[in-house]
Amino acid sequence: MSGTILVSTVGQAVIKSSDKGHTWHRLGLGQDIEFDAITRSLDVDPRDPKVVYIGTDNGLCVSHDAGAKWVQVESPFVGQTVWKVAVDPNDSNRIFVGTGAPSRAVLWRTKDAGKTWDRAPVNIPEFCAGVSKPRLLAFAFDPTDRNKLWFGLEEGGLFKSEDGGDSWERIDDRLLWDFNSDIHTIQVMPNKGEKVIVVVCVNAVYRSFDDGATWEGVIAKEAFGLYYARSTAVPMNTQSTLYLSVSDGTPGTTSQIYVSHDAAASWQLLPFPVQPNSCVWGIHVNPSNANQVVAGTKYGHLFTSENGGLSWKKEWREFSEIADVLWTPAEAVIEAAHVSVIEK
């Protein structure tokens, strides 16, 4: 079974393949996402891989057939741009959604799979120096404690909660270097009993062993030769494996992916067969097969791996701007409408 690869784009909605990239399909008409919409974030239901959520420029949508058809989720943020959707890996009823530019950056929460929503009681800046209006890019659940949660903004800070999201504390002033309010991703890794919080800022990768009280880290330029740290991904139920992309900027002219098997203590380069044309903007690991990894660049290159990133295939299809990628084990039954195909 090949599953379904979903590519979230800025201007072509979401494009999908259920045959390992041989054919690619745009959205058909008559859906709650326009086929030329802006989409920003993907996540999958951990209990049912046919259920996929996507953040759009008009709120949140959900698919119950692995991306073949999409419907709007009724919410207070319909009409706003969703930059992050995060489904609790251990409770698919609990979902957090972050909005952002051009909308106001707000964190929303549901405990009943989207039937009702409440706004997180947290003071998020309305404007920031780097990108005018912040966008909520990063969210993480603590797999060792369901009450501990994290989110971060580009730009606007790093926040943590120890009561399931009922209250929040801003802590980015504890990070070590400049640009510490520009948060790209957060991962919480069990690490065989020595839990590590990994926070990726624009220019650095940080680790904390004490729930954010103190931090250590590396500056990306010094550690990887490229200064712009961007995206991360982890296999389902991993203890310590983490993928990281770094680039020469945004959108950049090249990018690299590294893997760590010790919770960001050390890194191994995973070379691409051709040079990516820009920063790798999204990485995802198939939740049912840790060997299957997909990565997409800002300017539309897509790479897939069947061996945990040790080797990559550049997909023949190139895309408009890629915002996120996802590989679900569920196979979408696709009715060809707009289709791209290459002969074998």
C-alpha atoms as a PDB file:
ATOM      1  CA  MET A   1       0.000   0.000   0.000  1.00  0.00           C
ATOM      2  CA  SER A   2       1.400   3.380  -0.989  1.00  0.00           C
ATOM      3  CA  GLY A   3      -0.869   5.584   1.116  1.00  0.00           C
ATOM      4  CA  THR A   4      -1.469   9.188   0.071  1.00  0.00           C
ATOM      5  CA  ILE A   5       0.990  12.051  -0.189  1.00  0.00           C
ATOM      6  CA  LEU A   6      -0.576  15.485   0.316  1.00  0.00           C
ATOM      7  CA  VAL A   7       1.141  18.734  -0.678  1.00  0.00           C
ATOM      8  CA  SER A   8      -0.237  21.924   0.839  1.00  0.00           C
ATOM      9  CA  THR A   9       0.440  24.878  -1.455  1.00  0.00           C
ATOM     10  CA  VAL A  10       0.045  28.630  -1.545  1.00  0.00           C
ATOM     11  CA  GLY A  11      -2.244  29.204  -4.514  1.00  0.00           C
ATOM     12  CA  GLN A  12      -3.057  25.660  -5.693  1.00  0.00           C
ATOM     13  CA  ALA A  13      -4.780  24.423  -2.512  1.00  0.00           C
ATOM     14  CA  VAL A  14      -3.762  20.819  -1.786  1.00  0.00           C
ATOM     15  CA  ILE A  15      -2.436  18.411  -4.423  1.00  0.00           C
ATOM     16  CA  LYS A  16      -2.345  14.669  -3.793  1.00  0.00           C
ATOM     17  CA  SER A  17      -1.005  11.363  -5.062  1.00  0.00           C
ATOM     18  CA  SER A  18      -2.061   7.872  -3.995  1.00  0.00           C
ATOM     19  CA  ASP A  19       0.361   6.003  -6.263  1.00  0.00           C
ATOM     20  CA  LYS A  20       3.740   7.137  -4.901  1.00  0.00           C
ATOM     21  CA  GLY A  21       3.951  10.178  -7.127  1.00  0.00           C
ATOM     22  CA  HIS A  22       3.146   8.633 -10.509  1.00  0.00           C
ATOM     23  CA  THR A  23       0.051  10.816 -10.856  1.00  0.00           C
ATOM     24  CA  TRP A  24      -0.884  14.028  -9.052  1.00  0.00           C
ATOM     25  CA  HIS A  25      -4.378  15.440  -8.683  1.00  0.00           C
ATOM     26  CA  ARG A  26      -5.675  18.899  -7.929  1.00  0.00           C
ATOM     27  CA  LEU A  27      -8.943  19.450  -6.111  1.00  0.00           C
ATOM     28  CA  GLY A  28     -12.148  19.082  -8.035  1.00  0.00           C
ATOM     29  CA  LEU A  29     -14.934  21.646  -8.032  1.00  0.00           C
ATOM     30  CA  GLY A  30     -17.709  21.949  -5.494  1.00  0.00           C
ATOM     31  CA  GLN A  31     -15.589  21.597  -2.365  1.00  0.00           C
ATOM     32  CA  ASP A  32     -15.181  23.875   0.627  1.00  0.00           C
ATOM     33  CA  ILE A  33     -11.602  24.601  -0.475  1.00  0.00           C
ATOM     34  CA  GLU A  34     -11.182  26.403  -3.773  1.00  0.00           C
ATOM     35  CA  PHE A  35      -8.713  24.644  -6.051  1.00  0.00           C
ATOM     36  CA  ASP A  36      -6.576  27.817  -6.171  1.00  0.00           C
ATOM     37  CA  ALA A  37      -6.747  28.505  -2.419  1.00  0.00           C
ATOM     38  CA  ILE A  38      -3.929  29.188   0.008  1.00  0.00           C
ATOM     39  CA  THR A  39      -3.318  26.311   2.415  1.00  0.00           C
ATOM     40  CA  ARG A  40      -0.729  26.361   5.207  1.00  0.00           C
ATOM     41  CA  SER A  41      -0.722  23.338   7.526  1.00  0.00           C
ATOM     42  CA  LEU A  42      -1.603  19.630   7.529  1.00  0.00           C
ATOM     43  CA  ASP A  43      -2.126  17.066  10.278  1.00  0.00           C
ATOM     44  CA  VAL A  44      -3.652  13.600  10.487  1.00  0.00           C
ATOM     45  CA  ASP A  45      -5.920  11.935  13.037  1.00  0.00           C
ATOM     46  CA  PRO A  46      -3.765   9.407  14.949  1.00  0.00           C
ATOM     47  CA  ARG A  47      -6.662   6.946  15.310  1.00  0.00           C
ATOM     48  CA  ASP A  48      -7.981   7.186  11.772  1.00  0.00           C
ATOM     49  CA  PRO A  49      -5.443   8.065   9.055  1.00  0.00           C
ATOM     50  CA  LYS A  50      -8.258   8.803   6.585  1.00  0.00           C
ATOM     51  CA  VAL A  51      -9.083  11.913   8.630  1.00  0.00           C
ATOM     52  CA  VAL A  52      -6.814  14.800   7.668  1.00  0.00           C
ATOM     53  CA  TYR A  53      -7.025  18.454   8.731  1.00  0.00           C
ATOM     54  CA  ILE A  54      -5.779  21.411   6.717  1.00  0.00           C
ATOM     55  CA  GLY A  55      -5.373  25.058   7.616  1.00  0.00           C
ATOM     56  CA  THR A  56      -6.453  27.431   4.850  1.00  0.00           C
ATOM     57  CA  ASP A  57      -6.877  31.135   4.170  1.00  0.00           C
ATOM     58  CA  ASN A  58     -10.538  30.674   5.125  1.00  0.00           C
ATOM     59  CA  GLY A  59     -10.264  28.678   8.339  1.00  0.00           C
ATOM     60  CA  LEU A  60      -9.951  24.942   9.003  1.00  0.00           C
ATOM     61  CA  CYS A  61     -11.120  22.107   6.747  1.00  0.00           C
ATOM     62  CA  VAL A  62     -11.254  18.355   7.290  1.00  0.00           C
ATOM     63  CA  SER A  63     -11.232  15.361   4.971  1.00  0.00           C
ATOM     64  CA  HIS A  64     -12.622  11.962   5.947  1.00  0.00           C
ATOM     65  CA  ASP A  65     -11.245  10.164   2.891  1.00  0.00           C
ATOM     66  CA  ALA A  66      -7.509  10.928   2.975  1.00  0.00           C
ATOM     67  CA  GLY A  67      -7.827  14.195   1.079  1.00  0.00           C
ATOM     68  CA  ALA A  68     -10.208  13.329  -1.753  1.00  0.00           C
ATOM     69  CA  LYS A  69     -12.910  15.710  -0.496  1.00  0.00           C
ATOM     70  CA  TRP A  70     -12.802  18.539   2.050  1.00  0.00           C
ATOM     71  CA  VAL A  71     -15.429  20.227   4.216  1.00  0.00           C
ATOM     72  CA  GLN A  72     -15.259  23.380   6.327  1.00  0.00           C
ATOM     73  CA  VAL A  73     -15.054  22.982  10.107  1.00  0.00           C
ATOM     74  CA  GLU A  74     -17.442  25.433  11.736  1.00  0.00           C
ATOM     75  CA  SER A  75     -15.461  27.595  14.128  1.00  0.00           C
ATOM     76  CA  PRO A  76     -14.984  31.170  15.401  1.00  0.00           C
ATOM     77  CA  PHE A  77     -12.033  31.555  13.003  1.00  0.00           C
ATOM     78  CA  VAL A  78     -13.794  30.854   9.709  1.00  0.00           C
ATOM     79  CA  GLY A  79     -12.499  33.473   7.277  1.00  0.00           C
ATOM     80  CA  GLN A  80      -9.113  33.714   9.005  1.00  0.00           C
ATOM     81  CA  THR A  81      -5.772  32.276   7.919  1.00  0.00           C
ATOM     82  CA  VAL A  82      -4.803  29.096   9.784  1.00  0.00           C
ATOM     83  CA  TRP A  83      -1.020  28.611   9.944  1.00  0.00           C
ATOM     84  CA  LYS A  84      -0.962  25.611  12.273  1.00  0.00           C
ATOM     85  CA  VAL A  85      -3.224  22.674  13.052  1.00  0.00           C
ATOM     86  CA  ALA A  86      -2.049  20.149  15.642  1.00  0.00           C
ATOM     87  CA  VAL A  87      -3.977  16.986  16.568  1.00  0.00           C
ATOM     88  CA  ASP A  88      -3.075  15.393  19.885  1.00  0.00           C
ATOM     89  CA  PRO A  89      -1.327  12.079  18.997  1.00  0.00           C
ATOM     90  CA  ASN A  90      -2.978  10.443  22.005  1.00  0.00           C
ATOM     91  CA  ASP A  91      -6.421  12.054  21.829  1.00  0.00           C
ATOM     92  CA  SER A  92      -7.776  12.921  18.400  1.00  0.00           C
ATOM     93  CA  ASN A  93     -10.627  14.915  19.957  1.00  0.00           C
ATOM     94  CA  ARG A  94      -8.124  17.474  21.206  1.00  0.00           C
ATOM     95  CA  ILE A  95      -6.935  19.819  18.472  1.00  0.00           C
ATOM     96  CA  PHE A  96      -5.139  23.160  18.629  1.00  0.00           C
ATOM     97  CA  VAL A  97      -5.255  25.681  15.789  1.00  0.00           C
ATOM     98  CA  GLY A  98      -3.102  28.769  15.359  1.00  0.00           C
ATOM     99  CA  THR A  99      -4.023  31.694  13.118  1.00  0.00           C
ATOM    100  CA  GLY A 100      -1.790  34.460  11.827  1.00  0.00           C
ATOM    101  CA  ALA A 101      -0.951  36.990   9.151  1.00  0.00           C
ATOM    102  CA  PRO A 102      -2.872  38.600   7.586  1.00  0.00           C
ATOM    103  CA  SER A 103      -5.268  37.586  10.387  1.00  0.00           C
ATOM    104  CA  ARG A 104      -4.692  38.268  14.053  1.00  0.00           C
ATOM    105  CA  ALA A 105      -2.510  35.570  15.650  1.00  0.00           C
ATOM    106  CA  VAL A 106      -4.697  33.550  18.039  1.00  0.00           C
ATOM    107  CA  LEU A 107      -4.513  30.061  19.553  1.00  0.00           C
ATOM    108  CA  TRP A 108      -7.764  28.058  19.529  1.00  0.00           C
ATOM    109  CA  ARG A 109      -8.603  24.746  21.209  1.00  0.00           C
ATOM    110  CA  THR A 110     -11.233  22.042  20.844  1.00  0.00           C
ATOM    111  CA  LYS A 111     -11.733  19.002  23.051  1.00  0.00           C
ATOM    112  CA  ASP A 112     -14.497  17.438  20.936  1.00  0.00           C
ATOM    113  CA  ALA A 113     -12.952  17.185  17.447  1.00  0.00           C
ATOM    114  CA  GLY A 114     -14.149  20.607  16.371  1.00  0.00           C
ATOM    115  CA  LYS A 115     -17.742  20.697  17.605  1.00  0.00           C
ATOM    116  CA  THR A 116     -16.902  23.524  20.030  1.00  0.00           C
ATOM    117  CA  TRP A 117     -13.914  25.846  20.338  1.00  0.00           C
ATOM    118  CA  ASP A 118     -12.416  28.140  22.943  1.00  0.00           C
ATOM    119  CA  ARG A 119      -9.729  30.796  22.616  1.00  0.00           C
ATOM    120  CA  ALA A 120      -6.560  30.266  24.627  1.00  0.00           C
ATOM    121  CA  PRO A 121      -6.113  32.828  27.415  1.00  0.00           C
ATOM    122  CA  VAL A 122      -2.718  34.086  26.307  1.00  0.00           C
ATOM    123  CA  ASN A 123      -1.382  37.508  25.340  1.00  0.00           C
ATOM    124  CA  ILE A 124      -0.015  37.189  21.794  1.00  0.00           C
ATOM    125  CA  PRO A 125       1.612  40.272  20.220  1.00  0.00           C
ATOM    126  CA  GLU A 126      -0.421  41.848  17.415  1.00  0.00           C
ATOM    127  CA  PHE A 127       2.644  43.128  15.547  1.00  0.00           C
ATOM    128  CA  CYS A 128       6.337  42.243  15.467  1.00  0.00           C
ATOM    129  CA  ALA A 129       9.482  43.586  13.855  1.00  0.00           C
ATOM    130  CA  GLY A 130      10.372  40.787  11.464  1.00  0.00           C
ATOM    131  CA  VAL A 131       7.151  39.886   9.634  1.00  0.00           C
ATOM    132  CA  SER A 132       4.761  42.718  10.595  1.00  0.00           C
ATOM    133  CA  LYS A 133       1.960  40.455  11.862  1.00  0.00           C
ATOM    134  CA  PRO A 134       2.951  37.231  13.677  1.00  0.00           C
ATOM    135  CA  ARG A 135       1.901  33.799  12.525  1.00  0.00           C
ATOM    136  CA  LEU A 136       1.568  30.844  14.898  1.00  0.00           C
ATOM    137  CA  LEU A 137       3.812  28.224  13.289  1.00  0.00           C
ATOM    138  CA  ALA A 138       4.785  25.833  16.064  1.00  0.00           C
ATOM    139  CA  PHE A 139       2.831  23.642  18.460  1.00  0.00           C
ATOM    140  CA  ALA A 140       3.857  20.586  20.465  1.00  0.00           C
ATOM    141  CA  PHE A 141       2.208  18.093  22.793  1.00  0.00           C
ATOM    142  CA  ASP A 142       4.310  16.510  25.533  1.00  0.00           C
ATOM    143  CA  PRO A 143       3.982  12.719  25.024  1.00  0.00           C
ATOM    144  CA  THR A 144       4.910  12.130  28.668  1.00  0.00           C
ATOM    145  CA  ASP A 145       2.347  14.519  30.197  1.00  0.00           C
ATOM    146  CA  ARG A 146      -0.876  15.539  28.411  1.00  0.00           C
ATOM    147  CA  ASN A 147      -1.133  18.726  30.486  1.00  0.00           C
ATOM    148  CA  LYS A 148       2.157  20.112  29.149  1.00  0.00           C
ATOM    149  CA  LEU A 149       1.894  22.002  25.867  1.00  0.00           C
ATOM    150  CA  TRP A 150       4.053  24.364  23.814  1.00  0.00           C
ATOM    151  CA  PHE A 151       3.553  26.871  21.026  1.00  0.00           C
ATOM    152  CA  GLY A 152       5.656  29.453  19.228  1.00  0.00           C
ATOM    153  CA  LEU A 153       5.267  32.358  16.853  1.00  0.00           C
ATOM    154  CA  GLU A 154       7.129  33.759  13.874  1.00  0.00           C
ATOM    155  CA  GLU A 155       7.742  36.257  15.473  1.00  0.00           C
ATOM    156  CA  GLY A 156       6.323  36.770  18.910  1.00  0.00           C
ATOM    157  CA  GLY A 157       7.722  34.284  21.374  1.00  0.00           C
ATOM    158  CA  LEU A 158       7.788  30.820  22.914  1.00  0.00           C
ATOM    159  CA  PHE A 159       4.983  29.821  25.285  1.00  0.00           C
ATOM    160  CA  LYS A 160       4.341  26.825  27.525  1.00  0.00           C
ATOM    161  CA  SER A 161       1.388  25.518  29.511  1.00  0.00           C
ATOM    162  CA  GLU A 162       1.348  23.025  32.359  1.00  0.00           C
ATOM    163  CA  ASP A 163      -2.423  22.790  32.740  1.00  0.00           C
ATOM    164  CA  GLY A 164      -3.626  21.630  29.325  1.00  0.00           C
ATOM    165  CA  GLY A 165      -3.790  25.108  27.857  1.00  0.00           C
ATOM    166  CA  ASP A 166      -5.824  26.853  30.559  1.00  0.00           C
ATOM    167  CA  SER A 167      -2.911  29.198  31.236  1.00  0.00           C
ATOM    168  CA  TRP A 168       0.323  30.058  29.440  1.00  0.00           C
ATOM    169  CA  GLU A 169       3.763  31.451  30.255  1.00  0.00           C
ATOM    170  CA  ARG A 170       6.050  33.193  27.769  1.00  0.00           C
ATOM    171  CA  ILE A 171       9.667  32.018  28.153  1.00  0.00           C
ATOM    172  CA  ASP A 172      11.652  32.924  25.002  1.00  0.00           C
ATOM    173  CA  ASP A 173      13.724  35.401  27.028  1.00  0.00           C
ATOM    174  CA  ARG A 174      15.483  32.325  28.486  1.00  0.00           C
ATOM    175  CA  LEU A 175      16.885  31.330  25.083  1.00  0.00           C
ATOM    176  CA  LEU A 176      20.515  32.134  24.466  1.00  0.00           C
ATOM    177  CA  TRP A 177      20.938  34.233  21.347  1.00  0.00           C
ATOM    178  CA  ASP A 178      19.347  37.002  19.306  1.00  0.00           C
ATOM    179  CA  PHE A 179      16.150  36.353  17.318  1.00  0.00           C
ATOM    180  CA  ASN A 180      14.882  34.125  20.122  1.00  0.00           C
ATOM    181  CA  SER A 181      11.280  35.265  19.597  1.00  0.00           C
ATOM    182  CA  ASP A 182      11.264  33.852  16.025  1.00  0.00           C
ATOM    183  CA  ILE A 183      10.077  30.276  16.637  1.00  0.00           C
ATOM    184  CA  HIS A 184       9.762  27.886  13.696  1.00  0.00           C
ATOM    185  CA  THR A 185       9.120  24.463  15.275  1.00  0.00           C
ATOM    186  CA  ILE A 186       8.942  22.677  18.630  1.00  0.00           C
ATOM    187  CA  GLN A 187       9.305  18.960  19.382  1.00  0.00           C
ATOM    188  CA  VAL A 188       9.085  17.169  22.737  1.00  0.00           C
ATOM    189  CA  MET A 189      11.078  13.922  22.755  1.00  0.00           C
ATOM    190  CA  PRO A 190      10.765  11.266  25.500  1.00  0.00           C
ATOM    191  CA  ASN A 191      14.400  10.271  24.896  1.00  0.00           C
ATOM    192  CA  LYS A 192      14.266   7.091  26.992  1.00  0.00           C
ATOM    193  CA  GLY A 193      13.375   8.827  30.215  1.00  0.00           C
ATOM    194  CA  GLU A 194      15.544  11.916  29.732  1.00  0.00           C
ATOM    195  CA  LYS A 195      12.947  14.156  28.090  1.00  0.00           C
ATOM    196  CA  VAL A 196      14.199  16.879  25.762  1.00  0.00           C
ATOM    197  CA  ILE A 197      12.355  19.945  24.490  1.00  0.00           C
ATOM    198  CA  VAL A 198      13.761  20.889  21.065  1.00  0.00           C
ATOM    199  CA  VAL A 199      13.003  24.398  19.844  1.00  0.00           C
ATOM    200  CA  VAL A 200      14.076  25.612  16.406  1.00  0.00           C
ATOM    201  CA  CYS A 201      14.459  29.365  16.035  1.00  0.00           C
ATOM    202  CA  VAL A 202      15.336  31.111  12.800  1.00  0.00           C
ATOM    203  CA  ASN A 203      19.066  30.914  13.543  1.00  0.00           C
ATOM    204  CA  ALA A 204      19.529  28.252  16.233  1.00  0.00           C
ATOM    205  CA  VAL A 205      18.468  24.872  17.589  1.00  0.00           C
ATOM    206  CA  TYR A 206      17.865  24.725  21.353  1.00  0.00           C
ATOM    207  CA  ARG A 207      17.455  21.862  23.834  1.00  0.00           C
ATOM    208  CA  SER A 208      16.048  21.874  27.360  1.00  0.00           C
ATOM    209  CA  PHE A 209      16.088  18.980  29.839  1.00  0.00           C
ATOM    210  CA  ASP A 210      14.050  20.783  32.516  1.00  0.00           C
ATOM    211  CA  ASP A 211      10.829  21.822  30.759  1.00  0.00           C
ATOM    212  CA  GLY A 212      12.260  25.102  29.554  1.00  0.00           C
ATOM    213  CA  ALA A 213      13.874  26.431  32.722  1.00  0.00           C
ATOM    214  CA  THR A 214      17.347  26.332  31.135  1.00  0.00           C
ATOM    215  CA  TRP A 215      18.599  25.833  27.597  1.00  0.00           C
ATOM    216  CA  GLU A 216      21.612  24.751  25.585  1.00  0.00           C
ATOM    217  CA  GLY A 217      21.971  24.804  21.833  1.00  0.00           C
ATOM    218  CA  VAL A 218      23.846  25.431  18.622  1.00  0.00           C
ATOM    219  CA  ILE A 219      23.854  28.300  16.169  1.00  0.00           C
ATOM    220  CA  ALA A 220      22.813  26.889  12.805  1.00  0.00           C
ATOM    221  CA  LYS A 221      25.546  28.593  10.782  1.00  0.00           C
ATOM    222  CA  GLU A 222      28.240  27.162  13.030  1.00  0.00           C
ATOM    223  CA  ALA A 223      26.755  23.666  13.241  1.00  0.00           C
ATOM    224  CA  PHE A 224      25.550  23.164   9.663  1.00  0.00           C
ATOM    225  CA  GLY A 225      27.182  25.853   7.511  1.00  0.00           C
ATOM    226  CA  LEU A 226      23.755  27.319   6.677  1.00  0.00           C
ATOM    227  CA  TYR A 227      22.173  29.872   8.969  1.00  0.00           C
ATOM    228  CA  TYR A 228      18.402  29.427   8.481  1.00  0.00           C
ATOM    229  CA  ALA A 229      16.868  26.575  10.529  1.00  0.00           C
ATOM    230  CA  ARG A 230      13.333  25.884   9.398  1.00  0.00           C
ATOM    231  CA  SER A 231      11.345  22.661   9.762  1.00  0.00           C
ATOM    232  CA  THR A 232      11.377  19.452  11.786  1.00  0.00           C
ATOM    233  CA  ALA A 233       9.559  16.121  11.792  1.00  0.00           C
ATOM    234  CA  VAL A 234       9.552  13.069  14.046  1.00  0.00           C
ATOM    235  CA  PRO A 235       8.354   9.494  13.453  1.00  0.00           C
ATOM    236  CA  MET A 236       5.256   8.425  15.363  1.00  0.00           C
ATOM    237  CA  ASN A 237       6.087   7.225  18.902  1.00  0.00           C
ATOM    238  CA  THR A 238       9.781   7.944  18.483  1.00  0.00           C
ATOM    239  CA  GLN A 239      12.000   8.291  21.519  1.00  0.00           C
ATOM    240  CA  SER A 240      14.754  10.387  19.979  1.00  0.00           C
ATOM    241  CA  THR A 241      14.684  10.548  16.139  1.00  0.00           C
ATOM    242  CA  LEU A 242      14.311  14.014  14.641  1.00  0.00           C
ATOM    243  CA  TYR A 243      14.600  15.427  11.102  1.00  0.00           C
ATOM    244  CA  LEU A 244      15.698  19.041  10.582  1.00  0.00           C
ATOM    245  CA  SER A 245      15.964  21.260   7.520  1.00  0.00           C
ATOM    246  CA  VAL A 246      18.418  24.161   7.246  1.00  0.00           C
ATOM    247  CA  SER A 247      18.875  26.607   4.392  1.00  0.00           C
ATOM    248  CA  ASP A 248      20.744  29.704   3.288  1.00  0.00           C
ATOM    249  CA  GLY A 249      17.678  31.860   3.875  1.00  0.00           C
ATOM    250  CA  THR A 250      14.044  32.356   3.025  1.00  0.00           C
ATOM    251  CA  PRO A 251      13.108  31.465   0.393  1.00  0.00           C
ATOM    252  CA  GLY A 252      16.793  30.604  -0.054  1.00  0.00           C
ATOM    253  CA  THR A 253      18.631  28.975  -2.935  1.00  0.00           C
ATOM    254  CA  THR A 254      19.475  25.598  -1.388  1.00  0.00           C
ATOM    255  CA  SER A 255      18.663  23.401   1.599  1.00  0.00           C
ATOM    256  CA  GLN A 256      19.796  20.363   3.528  1.00  0.00           C
ATOM    257  CA  ILE A 257      18.091  17.795   5.744  1.00  0.00           C
ATOM    258  CA  TYR A 258      19.761  16.258   8.774  1.00  0.00           C
ATOM    259  CA  VAL A 259      18.623  13.447  11.056  1.00  0.00           C
ATOM    260  CA  SER A 260      19.393  13.000  14.731  1.00  0.00           C
ATOM    261  CA  HIS A 261      18.857   9.732  16.570  1.00  0.00           C
ATOM    262  CA  ASP A 262      19.801  11.174  19.958  1.00  0.00           C
ATOM    263  CA  ALA A 263      17.283  14.001  20.416  1.00  0.00           C
ATOM    264  CA  ALA A 264      19.297  16.704  18.618  1.00  0.00           C
ATOM    265  CA  ALA A 265      22.611  15.982  20.355  1.00  0.00           C
ATOM    266  CA  SER A 266      24.317  15.000  17.073  1.00  0.00           C
ATOM    267  CA  TRP A 267      23.348  15.128  13.411  1.00  0.00           C
ATOM    268  CA  GLN A 268      23.825  13.158  10.191  1.00  0.00           C
ATOM    269  CA  LEU A 269      23.490  14.825   6.772  1.00  0.00           C
ATOM    270  CA  LEU A 270      21.016  13.127   4.410  1.00  0.00           C
ATOM    271  CA  PRO A 271      22.162  14.231   0.928  1.00  0.00           C
ATOM    272  CA  PHE A 272      19.686  14.949  -1.864  1.00  0.00           C
ATOM    273  CA  PRO A 273      20.283  13.619  -5.395  1.00  0.00           C
ATOM    274  CA  VAL A 274      19.939  17.164  -6.788  1.00  0.00           C
ATOM    275  CA  GLN A 275      20.263  20.540  -5.127  1.00  0.00           C
ATOM    276  CA  PRO A 276      16.927  21.795  -3.768  1.00  0.00           C
ATOM    277  CA  ASN A 277      15.904  25.096  -5.327  1.00  0.00           C
ATOM    278  CA  SER A 278      15.015  26.767  -2.001  1.00  0.00           C
ATOM    279  CA  CYS A 279      14.501  26.100   1.681  1.00  0.00           C
ATOM    280  CA  VAL A 280      12.845  22.812   2.679  1.00  0.00           C
ATOM    281  CA  TRP A 281       9.629  24.185   4.172  1.00  0.00           C
ATOM    282  CA  GLY A 282       7.911  20.981   5.247  1.00  0.00           C
ATOM    283  CA  ILE A 283       8.922  17.461   6.320  1.00  0.00           C
ATOM    284  CA  HIS A 284       6.649  14.597   7.353  1.00  0.00           C
ATOM    285  CA  VAL A 285       7.115  10.951   8.310  1.00  0.00           C
ATOM    286  CA  ASN A 286       4.392   8.435   7.480  1.00  0.00           C
ATOM    287  CA  PRO A 287       2.921   7.569  10.903  1.00  0.00           C
ATOM    288  CA  SER A 288       2.627   3.873  10.004  1.00  0.00           C
ATOM    289  CA  ASN A 289       6.021   3.529   8.288  1.00  0.00           C
ATOM    290  CA  ALA A 290       8.972   5.426   9.739  1.00  0.00           C
ATOM    291  CA  ASN A 291      11.025   4.742   6.606  1.00  0.00           C
ATOM    292  CA  GLN A 292       8.718   6.840   4.417  1.00  0.00           C
ATOM    293  CA  VAL A 293       9.615  10.531   4.557  1.00  0.00           C
ATOM    294  CA  VAL A 294       8.425  13.391   2.351  1.00  0.00           C
ATOM    295  CA  ALA A 295       9.975  16.864   2.116  1.00  0.00           C
ATOM    296  CA  GLY A 296       8.934  19.913   0.120  1.00  0.00           C
ATOM    297  CA  THR A 297      10.766  23.151  -0.649  1.00  0.00           C
ATOM    298  CA  LYS A 298       9.387  26.675  -0.584  1.00  0.00           C
ATOM    299  CA  TYR A 299       9.610  26.904  -4.387  1.00  0.00           C
ATOM    300  CA  GLY A 300       8.052  23.586  -5.228  1.00  0.00           C
ATOM    301  CA  HIS A 301      10.582  20.739  -5.246  1.00  0.00           C
ATOM    302  CA  LEU A 302       9.280  17.538  -3.636  1.00  0.00           C
ATOM    303  CA  PHE A 303      11.502  14.726  -2.359  1.00  0.00           C
ATOM    304  CA  THR A 304      10.466  11.304  -1.015  1.00  0.00           C
ATOM    305  CA  SER A 305      12.431   8.600   0.766  1.00  0.00           C
ATOM    306  CA  GLU A 306      11.664   4.950   1.450  1.00  0.00           C
ATOM    307  CA  ASN A 307      14.593   4.378   3.837  1.00  0.00           C
ATOM    308  CA  GLY A 308      14.397   7.071   6.470  1.00  0.00           C
ATOM    309  CA  GLY A 309      16.123   9.707   4.352  1.00  0.00           C
ATOM    310  CA  LEU A 310      19.297   7.761   3.621  1.00  0.00           C
ATOM    311  CA  SER A 311      18.445   8.240  -0.053  1.00  0.00           C
ATOM    312  CA  TRP A 312      15.891  10.458  -1.758  1.00  0.00           C
ATOM    313  CA  LYS A 313      13.915  10.572  -4.977  1.00  0.00           C
ATOM    314  CA  LYS A 314      13.075  13.955  -6.471  1.00  0.00           C
ATOM    315  CA  GLU A 315       9.485  13.708  -7.663  1.00  0.00           C
ATOM    316  CA  TRP A 316       8.908  14.646 -11.315  1.00  0.00           C
ATOM    317  CA  ARG A 317       5.979  16.920 -10.424  1.00  0.00           C
ATOM    318  CA  GLU A 318       6.980  20.404  -9.274  1.00  0.00           C
ATOM    319  CA  PHE A 319       4.559  22.627  -7.442  1.00  0.00           C
ATOM    320  CA  SER A 320       3.708  26.215  -6.701  1.00  0.00           C
ATOM    321  CA  GLU A 321       4.894  27.407  -3.292  1.00  0.00           C
ATOM    322  CA  ILE A 322       4.822  24.500  -0.825  1.00  0.00           C
ATOM    323  CA  ALA A 323       3.678  25.289   2.708  1.00  0.00           C
ATOM    324  CA  ASP A 324       3.441  21.796   4.206  1.00  0.00           C
ATOM    325  CA  VAL A 325       3.526  18.084   3.312  1.00  0.00           C
ATOM    326  CA  LEU A 326       1.973  14.932   4.755  1.00  0.00           C
ATOM    327  CA  TRP A 327       2.169  11.199   4.053  1.00  0.00           C
ATOM    328  CA  THR A 328      -0.802   9.255   5.428  1.00  0.00           C
ATOM    329  CA  PRO A 329      -1.062   5.452   5.210  1.00  0.00           C
ATOM    330  CA  ALA A 330      -4.703   5.786   4.097  1.00  0.00           C
ATOM    331  CA  GLU A 331      -5.265   5.674   0.347  1.00  0.00           C
ATOM    332  CA  ALA A 332      -7.456   8.351  -1.152  1.00  0.00           C
ATOM    333  CA  VAL A 333      -9.877   7.124  -3.805  1.00  0.00           C
ATOM    334  CA  ILE A 334      -9.302   9.820  -6.388  1.00  0.00           C
ATOM    335  CA  GLU A 335     -11.759  10.742  -9.080  1.00  0.00           C
ATOM    336  CA  ALA A 336      -9.627  12.315 -11.787  1.00  0.00           C
ATOM    337  CA  ALA A 337     -10.550  15.944 -12.390  1.00  0.00           C
ATOM    338  CA  HIS A 338      -7.385  17.994 -12.767  1.00  0.00           C
ATOM    339  CA  VAL A 339      -4.614  15.409 -13.117  1.00  0.00           C
ATOM    340  CA  SER A 340      -0.918  15.413 -13.981  1.00  0.00           C
ATOM    341  CA  VAL A 341       0.673  12.145 -15.127  1.00  0.00           C
ATOM    342  CA  ILE A 342       4.015  11.008 -16.441  1.00  0.00           C
ATOM    343  CA  GLU A 343       4.418   7.791 -18.352  1.00  0.00           C
ATOM    344  CA  LYS A 344       6.656   5.132 -16.825  1.00  0.00           C
END
